[in-house]
């Protein structure tokens, strides 16, 4: 019976993925930019509302040739507080959308207290819930200057 079921599944044509449009891609890129805007306002509680309850965030960084990994849940993200001014700017983002799932690859630079801190890539995995797009997962790299790229606009205006 299992062999017959496997054969039947093999013979069933795959369902074509939903075609995404440029508007879909622009919408998820704008969603990711909104997340960066909240980070730049130190509004991590606001950022957490953009996340699914089960969402996880992973920060990756190399130090001395070894991977450093920091994981956070949505509730941990909501509890983050800081009085240090942040500015995170994304650029040259790419989006892939298939129906209710999407992925955004977004290079960024990060400034802390007016100084260039680091840069890297944010990777957002998104799910479109009945309320709209939500972050299912966020993974990002943190690379120290000069081994990374600053925003094409150059240093932020003060």
Protein backbone atom coordinates (compact mmCIF):
# COMPACT_ATOMS: atom_id res chain seq x y z
CA UNK A 1 0.00 0.00 0.00
CA UNK A 2 2.81 2.45 0.88
CA UNK A 3 4.49 1.76 -2.45
CA UNK A 4 1.23 2.51 -4.28
CA UNK A 5 0.78 5.75 -2.33
CA UNK A 6 4.37 6.79 -3.09
CA UNK A 7 3.84 6.05 -6.77
CA UNK A 8 0.58 8.02 -6.80
CA UNK A 9 2.25 11.02 -5.16
CA UNK A 10 5.06 10.84 -7.70
CA UNK A 11 2.58 10.83 -10.59
CA UNK A 12 0.48 13.73 -9.27
CA UNK A 13 1.66 16.93 -10.96
CA UNK A 14 3.13 19.49 -8.61
CA UNK A 15 0.93 22.46 -7.93
CA UNK A 16 2.48 25.53 -9.47
CA UNK A 17 3.40 28.19 -6.92
CA UNK A 18 1.39 31.37 -6.87
CA UNK A 19 2.91 33.99 -9.11
CA UNK A 20 4.22 36.93 -7.18
CA UNK A 21 4.04 40.39 -8.61
CA UNK A 22 6.33 43.37 -8.34
CA UNK A 23 3.74 44.86 -5.99
CA UNK A 24 4.08 41.79 -3.71
CA UNK A 25 7.86 42.20 -3.63
CA UNK A 26 7.61 45.92 -2.93
CA UNK A 27 5.13 45.25 -0.11
CA UNK A 28 7.43 42.83 1.71
CA UNK A 29 10.43 45.13 1.18
CA UNK A 30 8.41 47.99 2.70
CA UNK A 31 7.47 45.70 5.59
CA UNK A 32 11.16 44.93 6.24
CA UNK A 33 11.99 48.66 6.04
CA UNK A 34 9.26 49.29 8.65
CA UNK A 35 11.00 46.80 10.96
CA UNK A 36 14.29 48.70 10.56
CA UNK A 37 12.51 51.98 11.28
CA UNK A 38 11.25 50.56 14.59
CA UNK A 39 14.77 49.40 15.51
CA UNK A 40 16.01 52.90 14.67
CA UNK A 41 13.47 54.31 17.14
CA UNK A 42 14.48 51.78 19.83
CA UNK A 43 10.91 50.47 19.62
CA UNK A 44 11.53 46.77 20.16
CA UNK A 45 8.06 46.28 21.63
CA UNK A 46 6.71 47.64 18.33
CA UNK A 47 9.03 45.34 16.41
CA UNK A 48 7.71 42.37 18.38
CA UNK A 49 4.16 43.16 17.17
CA UNK A 50 5.42 42.55 13.63
CA UNK A 51 6.42 39.02 14.66
CA UNK A 52 4.46 35.78 14.95
CA UNK A 53 4.21 34.57 18.56
CA UNK A 54 6.58 31.69 17.71
CA UNK A 55 9.11 33.89 15.87
CA UNK A 56 12.83 33.68 16.58
CA UNK A 57 15.68 36.07 15.89
CA UNK A 58 19.25 34.85 15.39
CA UNK A 59 22.29 37.12 15.38
CA UNK A 60 25.47 35.64 13.90
CA UNK A 61 28.93 37.07 14.25
CA UNK A 62 32.47 35.78 13.71
CA UNK A 63 35.06 36.43 16.41
CA UNK A 64 38.50 34.88 16.24
CA UNK A 65 37.36 32.56 13.48
CA UNK A 66 34.52 31.16 15.61
CA UNK A 67 30.80 31.60 15.16
CA UNK A 68 28.98 33.49 17.88
CA UNK A 69 25.24 32.92 17.83
CA UNK A 70 22.62 34.77 19.86
CA UNK A 71 18.97 33.70 19.73
CA UNK A 72 15.94 35.67 20.94
CA UNK A 73 12.24 34.91 21.17
CA UNK A 74 9.52 37.42 20.39
CA UNK A 75 8.96 38.09 24.10
CA UNK A 76 12.68 38.64 24.65
CA UNK A 77 12.72 41.08 21.73
CA UNK A 78 9.74 42.98 23.20
CA UNK A 79 11.64 43.41 26.49
CA UNK A 80 14.74 45.03 24.92
CA UNK A 81 15.27 48.57 26.11
CA UNK A 82 17.97 51.03 25.18
CA UNK A 83 18.51 54.74 25.46
CA UNK A 84 21.39 54.67 22.98
CA UNK A 85 20.34 56.15 19.62
CA UNK A 86 20.34 53.51 16.86
CA UNK A 87 20.09 53.87 13.11
CA UNK A 88 19.76 50.79 10.91
CA UNK A 89 19.56 51.44 7.17
CA UNK A 90 18.77 48.77 4.62
CA UNK A 91 19.74 48.97 0.97
CA UNK A 92 19.53 46.94 -2.24
CA UNK A 93 16.94 44.61 -0.75
CA UNK A 94 15.71 41.57 -2.65
CA UNK A 95 12.39 39.83 -2.09
CA UNK A 96 10.90 36.50 -3.09
CA UNK A 97 7.18 35.97 -2.58
CA UNK A 98 5.08 32.85 -3.08
CA UNK A 99 1.51 33.30 -1.93
CA UNK A 100 1.58 33.62 1.86
CA UNK A 101 5.32 33.15 2.34
CA UNK A 102 8.14 35.55 1.54
CA UNK A 103 11.85 36.06 2.08
CA UNK A 104 13.68 39.39 2.17
CA UNK A 105 17.48 39.63 1.84
CA UNK A 106 18.44 43.09 3.05
CA UNK A 107 22.02 44.36 3.40
CA UNK A 108 22.25 47.01 6.12
CA UNK A 109 24.56 49.30 8.01
CA UNK A 110 24.09 50.04 11.70
CA UNK A 111 25.02 53.17 13.60
CA UNK A 112 25.08 53.42 17.39
CA UNK A 113 25.17 56.80 19.08
CA UNK A 114 26.07 58.46 15.75
CA UNK A 115 29.00 56.13 15.00
CA UNK A 116 29.20 53.35 12.44
CA UNK A 117 28.97 50.18 14.52
CA UNK A 118 28.67 47.32 12.03
CA UNK A 119 26.92 46.08 8.93
CA UNK A 120 25.68 42.82 7.51
CA UNK A 121 22.62 41.22 5.99
CA UNK A 122 19.15 40.84 7.51
CA UNK A 123 17.18 37.85 6.26
CA UNK A 124 13.48 38.07 7.03
CA UNK A 125 11.28 35.00 6.65
CA UNK A 126 7.70 36.20 6.47
CA UNK A 127 4.24 34.65 6.60
CA UNK A 128 1.11 36.50 5.52
CA UNK A 129 -1.39 35.95 8.31
CA UNK A 130 -4.99 37.10 8.25
CA UNK A 131 -3.70 40.37 9.80
CA UNK A 132 -1.00 40.84 7.15
CA UNK A 133 2.72 40.07 6.89
CA UNK A 134 4.43 38.83 10.06
CA UNK A 135 8.03 37.90 10.79
CA UNK A 136 8.42 34.16 11.30
CA UNK A 137 12.18 34.44 11.63
CA UNK A 138 14.93 37.01 11.39
CA UNK A 139 18.57 36.01 10.95
CA UNK A 140 21.30 38.57 10.57
CA UNK A 141 25.04 38.85 10.30
CA UNK A 142 27.05 41.48 12.15
CA UNK A 143 30.37 42.34 10.49
CA UNK A 144 32.79 44.95 11.76
CA UNK A 145 34.14 47.75 9.56
CA UNK A 146 36.13 47.89 7.38
CA UNK A 147 35.17 44.36 6.29
CA UNK A 148 31.68 45.44 5.32
CA UNK A 149 29.78 47.87 3.15
CA UNK A 150 28.23 51.11 4.35
CA UNK A 151 24.95 52.30 2.89
CA UNK A 152 25.44 53.66 -0.67
CA UNK A 153 24.25 57.10 0.52
CA UNK A 154 27.35 57.31 2.73
CA UNK A 155 27.33 58.33 6.39
CA UNK A 156 23.97 59.41 7.78
CA UNK A 157 23.22 63.10 7.92
CA UNK A 158 23.44 64.47 11.45
